[in-house]
Amino acid sequence: MDISDPILNETMHVLRDKFQWDGYMVRDVRAKLLSIGNHVSPKDTVTAIKEDPDDDRVLECAAAARLDFIVTEDKDLLRLSRFGNSRIVTIGEFVKLVLTRR
């Protein structure tokens, strides 16, 4: 899993504001994500998704990490189907790909 500061910040914002998590829980999740993920620092700015510019942060992270896949259920991202070298797929599609690879 690859993650950038903008993605971490957005995730923490959603957990705190939308799901009402307290500060301790938010800090704990942030630390765990950083410990299991590969932290990347995107250098380039992307403006590909006008409907939800926050989704551009995912594309920036994918480019910086040189990902083969972006796995998401986000409809705006899925509409692209590809970004650079990254193929954008649903969780179900990704599982099928993994299970059929030899």
N, C-alpha and C. Protein backbone atom coordinates (compact mmCIF):
# COMPACT_ATOMS: atom_id res chain seq x y z
N MET A 1 0.84 -1.16 0.00
CA MET A 1 0.00 0.00 0.00
C MET A 1 0.89 1.23 0.00
N ASP A 2 0.58 2.17 -0.86
CA ASP A 2 1.31 3.43 -0.93
C ASP A 2 0.39 4.55 -0.46
N ILE A 3 0.97 5.50 0.25
CA ILE A 3 0.16 6.58 0.81
C ILE A 3 0.98 7.87 0.83
N SER A 4 0.29 8.98 0.67
CA SER A 4 0.94 10.29 0.70
C SER A 4 0.32 11.13 1.81
N ASP A 5 0.98 12.23 2.15
CA ASP A 5 0.43 13.11 3.19
C ASP A 5 -0.96 13.63 2.85
N PRO A 6 -1.23 14.07 1.61
CA PRO A 6 -2.59 14.54 1.31
C PRO A 6 -3.65 13.46 1.50
N ILE A 7 -3.33 12.22 1.16
CA ILE A 7 -4.30 11.13 1.35
C ILE A 7 -4.48 10.84 2.83
N LEU A 8 -3.38 10.81 3.57
CA LEU A 8 -3.47 10.62 5.03
C LEU A 8 -4.33 11.71 5.66
N ASN A 9 -4.07 12.95 5.30
CA ASN A 9 -4.81 14.06 5.88
C ASN A 9 -6.30 13.98 5.57
N GLU A 10 -6.64 13.65 4.33
CA GLU A 10 -8.05 13.52 3.95
C GLU A 10 -8.71 12.37 4.72
N THR A 11 -8.01 11.26 4.85
CA THR A 11 -8.54 10.11 5.59
C THR A 11 -8.80 10.48 7.05
N MET A 12 -7.86 11.16 7.67
CA MET A 12 -8.02 11.56 9.06
C MET A 12 -9.18 12.54 9.22
N HIS A 13 -9.32 13.45 8.28
CA HIS A 13 -10.42 14.42 8.29
C HIS A 13 -11.77 13.69 8.23
N VAL A 14 -11.89 12.72 7.34
CA VAL A 14 -13.14 11.97 7.20
C VAL A 14 -13.44 11.16 8.46
N LEU A 15 -12.44 10.49 9.01
CA LEU A 15 -12.66 9.70 10.22
C LEU A 15 -13.11 10.59 11.38
N ARG A 16 -12.49 11.76 11.50
CA ARG A 16 -12.83 12.68 12.60
C ARG A 16 -14.19 13.33 12.39
N ASP A 17 -14.42 13.89 11.21
CA ASP A 17 -15.61 14.70 10.99
C ASP A 17 -16.84 13.90 10.57
N LYS A 18 -16.67 12.94 9.71
CA LYS A 18 -17.82 12.17 9.22
C LYS A 18 -18.20 11.04 10.17
N PHE A 19 -17.17 10.37 10.73
CA PHE A 19 -17.43 9.21 11.58
C PHE A 19 -17.27 9.50 13.07
N GLN A 20 -16.96 10.77 13.40
CA GLN A 20 -16.88 11.21 14.79
C GLN A 20 -15.84 10.47 15.63
N TRP A 21 -14.73 10.05 15.01
CA TRP A 21 -13.67 9.40 15.77
C TRP A 21 -12.98 10.45 16.63
N ASP A 22 -12.55 10.02 17.84
CA ASP A 22 -11.83 10.96 18.69
C ASP A 22 -10.37 11.05 18.26
N GLY A 23 -9.68 12.03 18.79
CA GLY A 23 -8.30 12.30 18.39
C GLY A 23 -7.35 11.14 18.61
N TYR A 24 -7.55 10.37 19.69
CA TYR A 24 -6.69 9.23 19.96
C TYR A 24 -6.82 8.17 18.88
N MET A 25 -8.06 7.86 18.50
CA MET A 25 -8.29 6.85 17.47
C MET A 25 -7.71 7.31 16.13
N VAL A 26 -7.89 8.57 15.80
CA VAL A 26 -7.38 9.11 14.54
C VAL A 26 -5.86 9.03 14.50
N ARG A 27 -5.20 9.43 15.58
CA ARG A 27 -3.73 9.36 15.63
C ARG A 27 -3.24 7.93 15.56
N ASP A 28 -3.96 7.00 16.19
CA ASP A 28 -3.58 5.59 16.17
C ASP A 28 -3.67 5.03 14.74
N VAL A 29 -4.75 5.33 14.04
CA VAL A 29 -4.90 4.85 12.67
C VAL A 29 -3.83 5.47 11.77
N ARG A 30 -3.56 6.75 11.94
CA ARG A 30 -2.53 7.41 11.15
C ARG A 30 -1.18 6.71 11.33
N ALA A 31 -0.83 6.44 12.58
CA ALA A 31 0.45 5.78 12.86
C ALA A 31 0.49 4.38 12.25
N LYS A 32 -0.62 3.66 12.35
CA LYS A 32 -0.66 2.30 11.77
C LYS A 32 -0.55 2.34 10.25
N LEU A 33 -1.24 3.27 9.62
CA LEU A 33 -1.14 3.38 8.16
C LEU A 33 0.29 3.70 7.73
N LEU A 34 0.95 4.58 8.46
CA LEU A 34 2.33 4.92 8.13
C LEU A 34 3.27 3.73 8.35
N SER A 35 2.96 2.89 9.35
CA SER A 35 3.84 1.76 9.64
C SER A 35 3.69 0.63 8.62
N ILE A 36 2.52 0.49 8.01
CA ILE A 36 2.33 -0.60 7.04
C ILE A 36 2.42 -0.14 5.59
N GLY A 37 2.36 1.16 5.37
CA GLY A 37 2.36 1.67 4.01
C GLY A 37 3.70 2.22 3.58
N ASN A 38 3.84 2.37 2.30
CA ASN A 38 5.01 3.00 1.72
C ASN A 38 4.67 4.48 1.54
N HIS A 39 5.35 5.34 2.28
CA HIS A 39 5.06 6.77 2.24
C HIS A 39 5.75 7.40 1.03
N VAL A 40 4.95 8.03 0.17
CA VAL A 40 5.50 8.70 -1.01
C VAL A 40 5.18 10.19 -0.95
N SER A 41 6.02 10.97 -1.61
CA SER A 41 5.84 12.42 -1.67
C SER A 41 5.72 12.83 -3.13
N PRO A 42 4.49 12.95 -3.63
CA PRO A 42 4.29 13.33 -5.03
C PRO A 42 4.92 14.68 -5.34
N LYS A 43 5.54 14.76 -6.49
CA LYS A 43 6.18 16.01 -6.94
C LYS A 43 5.31 16.76 -7.94
N ASP A 44 4.50 16.01 -8.69
CA ASP A 44 3.67 16.61 -9.74
C ASP A 44 2.24 16.79 -9.27
N THR A 45 1.61 17.84 -9.77
CA THR A 45 0.21 18.12 -9.48
C THR A 45 -0.64 17.63 -10.63
N VAL A 46 -1.74 16.96 -10.30
CA VAL A 46 -2.66 16.42 -11.30
C VAL A 46 -3.99 17.16 -11.20
N THR A 47 -4.58 17.45 -12.35
CA THR A 47 -5.93 18.03 -12.40
C THR A 47 -6.73 17.26 -13.43
N ALA A 48 -7.06 16.03 -13.11
CA ALA A 48 -7.75 15.14 -14.06
C ALA A 48 -9.23 14.96 -13.74
N ILE A 49 -9.62 15.17 -12.47
CA ILE A 49 -11.00 14.88 -12.07
C ILE A 49 -11.66 16.15 -11.56
N LYS A 50 -12.41 16.78 -12.44
CA LYS A 50 -13.06 18.04 -12.09
C LYS A 50 -14.18 17.85 -11.07
N GLU A 51 -14.86 16.69 -11.10
CA GLU A 51 -15.99 16.43 -10.21
C GLU A 51 -15.56 16.35 -8.74
N ASP A 52 -14.34 15.87 -8.49
CA ASP A 52 -13.85 15.72 -7.12
C ASP A 52 -12.33 15.88 -7.11
N PRO A 53 -11.85 17.12 -7.03
CA PRO A 53 -10.40 17.36 -7.09
C PRO A 53 -9.59 16.61 -6.04
N ASP A 54 -10.20 16.21 -4.93
CA ASP A 54 -9.47 15.42 -3.93
C ASP A 54 -9.01 14.09 -4.51
N ASP A 55 -9.74 13.57 -5.49
CA ASP A 55 -9.35 12.31 -6.14
C ASP A 55 -8.04 12.46 -6.91
N ASP A 56 -7.72 13.68 -7.31
CA ASP A 56 -6.45 13.91 -7.99
C ASP A 56 -5.26 13.56 -7.09
N ARG A 57 -5.44 13.68 -5.77
CA ARG A 57 -4.35 13.32 -4.84
C ARG A 57 -4.02 11.83 -4.95
N VAL A 58 -5.05 11.00 -5.20
CA VAL A 58 -4.83 9.56 -5.39
C VAL A 58 -3.99 9.33 -6.64
N LEU A 59 -4.31 10.05 -7.70
CA LEU A 59 -3.56 9.91 -8.95
C LEU A 59 -2.11 10.39 -8.78
N GLU A 60 -1.92 11.46 -8.03
CA GLU A 60 -0.57 11.95 -7.76
C GLU A 60 0.24 10.92 -6.99
N CYS A 61 -0.39 10.30 -6.00
CA CYS A 61 0.27 9.26 -5.21
C CYS A 61 0.62 8.06 -6.10
N ALA A 62 -0.31 7.65 -6.94
CA ALA A 62 -0.08 6.51 -7.83
C ALA A 62 1.08 6.78 -8.78
N ALA A 63 1.16 7.99 -9.30
CA ALA A 63 2.25 8.34 -10.21
C ALA A 63 3.59 8.33 -9.46
N ALA A 64 3.61 8.90 -8.27
CA ALA A 64 4.85 8.95 -7.49
C ALA A 64 5.32 7.56 -7.08
N ALA A 65 4.37 6.67 -6.81
CA ALA A 65 4.70 5.31 -6.37
C ALA A 65 4.90 4.36 -7.54
N ARG A 66 4.58 4.84 -8.75
CA ARG A 66 4.68 4.02 -9.97
C ARG A 66 3.87 2.73 -9.84
N LEU A 67 2.61 2.92 -9.44
CA LEU A 67 1.72 1.78 -9.21
C LEU A 67 1.26 1.12 -10.51
N ASP A 68 1.10 -0.19 -10.45
CA ASP A 68 0.49 -0.93 -11.56
C ASP A 68 -1.02 -0.81 -11.50
N PHE A 69 -1.56 -0.76 -10.26
CA PHE A 69 -3.01 -0.72 -10.06
C PHE A 69 -3.40 0.34 -9.04
N ILE A 70 -4.54 0.95 -9.28
CA ILE A 70 -5.25 1.74 -8.29
C ILE A 70 -6.53 0.96 -8.03
N VAL A 71 -6.72 0.51 -6.80
CA VAL A 71 -7.89 -0.29 -6.45
C VAL A 71 -8.84 0.60 -5.67
N THR A 72 -10.05 0.76 -6.21
CA THR A 72 -10.98 1.74 -5.64
C THR A 72 -12.42 1.37 -6.00
N GLU A 73 -13.33 1.96 -5.27
CA GLU A 73 -14.75 1.88 -5.62
C GLU A 73 -15.26 3.27 -6.00
N ASP A 74 -14.36 4.24 -6.11
CA ASP A 74 -14.72 5.61 -6.45
C ASP A 74 -15.06 5.71 -7.94
N LYS A 75 -16.29 6.12 -8.23
CA LYS A 75 -16.78 6.16 -9.60
C LYS A 75 -16.02 7.14 -10.48
N ASP A 76 -15.60 8.27 -9.92
CA ASP A 76 -14.85 9.25 -10.72
C ASP A 76 -13.50 8.68 -11.15
N LEU A 77 -12.83 8.00 -10.25
CA LEU A 77 -11.55 7.37 -10.61
C LEU A 77 -11.76 6.22 -11.58
N LEU A 78 -12.77 5.39 -11.34
CA LEU A 78 -13.02 4.24 -12.21
C LEU A 78 -13.34 4.66 -13.64
N ARG A 79 -13.97 5.80 -13.80
CA ARG A 79 -14.30 6.29 -15.15
C ARG A 79 -13.05 6.49 -16.00
N LEU A 80 -11.93 6.78 -15.36
CA LEU A 80 -10.68 6.97 -16.11
C LEU A 80 -10.16 5.65 -16.68
N SER A 81 -10.34 4.57 -15.96
CA SER A 81 -9.86 3.21 -16.26
C SER A 81 -8.34 3.07 -16.28
N ARG A 82 -7.62 4.12 -16.64
CA ARG A 82 -6.15 4.11 -16.59
C ARG A 82 -5.69 5.52 -16.24
N PHE A 83 -4.53 5.56 -15.59
CA PHE A 83 -3.87 6.84 -15.38
C PHE A 83 -2.38 6.57 -15.47
N GLY A 84 -1.73 7.09 -16.50
CA GLY A 84 -0.33 6.79 -16.71
C GLY A 84 -0.16 5.29 -16.88
N ASN A 85 0.70 4.70 -16.07
CA ASN A 85 0.92 3.25 -16.13
C ASN A 85 0.01 2.48 -15.19
N SER A 86 -0.86 3.17 -14.49
CA SER A 86 -1.72 2.53 -13.50
C SER A 86 -3.07 2.17 -14.11
N ARG A 87 -3.47 0.95 -13.92
CA ARG A 87 -4.81 0.50 -14.31
C ARG A 87 -5.72 0.72 -13.11
N ILE A 88 -6.90 1.30 -13.32
CA ILE A 88 -7.81 1.61 -12.23
C ILE A 88 -8.94 0.58 -12.25
N VAL A 89 -9.05 -0.19 -11.14
CA VAL A 89 -10.00 -1.30 -11.07
C VAL A 89 -10.75 -1.30 -9.75
N THR A 90 -11.89 -1.99 -9.73
CA THR A 90 -12.63 -2.18 -8.49
C THR A 90 -11.94 -3.24 -7.65
N ILE A 91 -12.37 -3.34 -6.40
CA ILE A 91 -11.82 -4.37 -5.52
C ILE A 91 -12.10 -5.75 -6.10
N GLY A 92 -13.33 -5.96 -6.58
CA GLY A 92 -13.70 -7.25 -7.16
C GLY A 92 -12.86 -7.60 -8.37
N GLU A 93 -12.62 -6.63 -9.25
CA GLU A 93 -11.79 -6.87 -10.43
C GLU A 93 -10.37 -7.22 -10.03
N PHE A 94 -9.86 -6.53 -9.02
CA PHE A 94 -8.49 -6.79 -8.57
C PHE A 94 -8.36 -8.20 -7.99
N VAL A 95 -9.34 -8.59 -7.19
CA VAL A 95 -9.30 -9.94 -6.61
C VAL A 95 -9.31 -10.99 -7.72
N LYS A 96 -10.16 -10.81 -8.73
CA LYS A 96 -10.20 -11.75 -9.86
C LYS A 96 -8.86 -11.80 -10.58
N LEU A 97 -8.24 -10.65 -10.78
CA LEU A 97 -6.93 -10.62 -11.44
C LEU A 97 -5.89 -11.38 -10.64
N VAL A 98 -5.88 -11.17 -9.33
CA VAL A 98 -4.91 -11.83 -8.46
C VAL A 98 -5.14 -13.34 -8.46
N LEU A 99 -6.39 -13.75 -8.40
CA LEU A 99 -6.70 -15.18 -8.34
C LEU A 99 -6.42 -15.92 -9.65
N THR A 100 -6.45 -15.21 -10.77
CA THR A 100 -6.24 -15.86 -12.06
C THR A 100 -4.81 -15.77 -12.54
N ARG A 101 -3.96 -15.00 -11.86
CA ARG A 101 -2.55 -14.92 -12.24
C ARG A 101 -1.82 -16.17 -11.80
N ARG A 102 -0.86 -16.55 -12.61
CA ARG A 102 -0.05 -17.73 -12.26
C ARG A 102 1.38 -17.35 -12.14
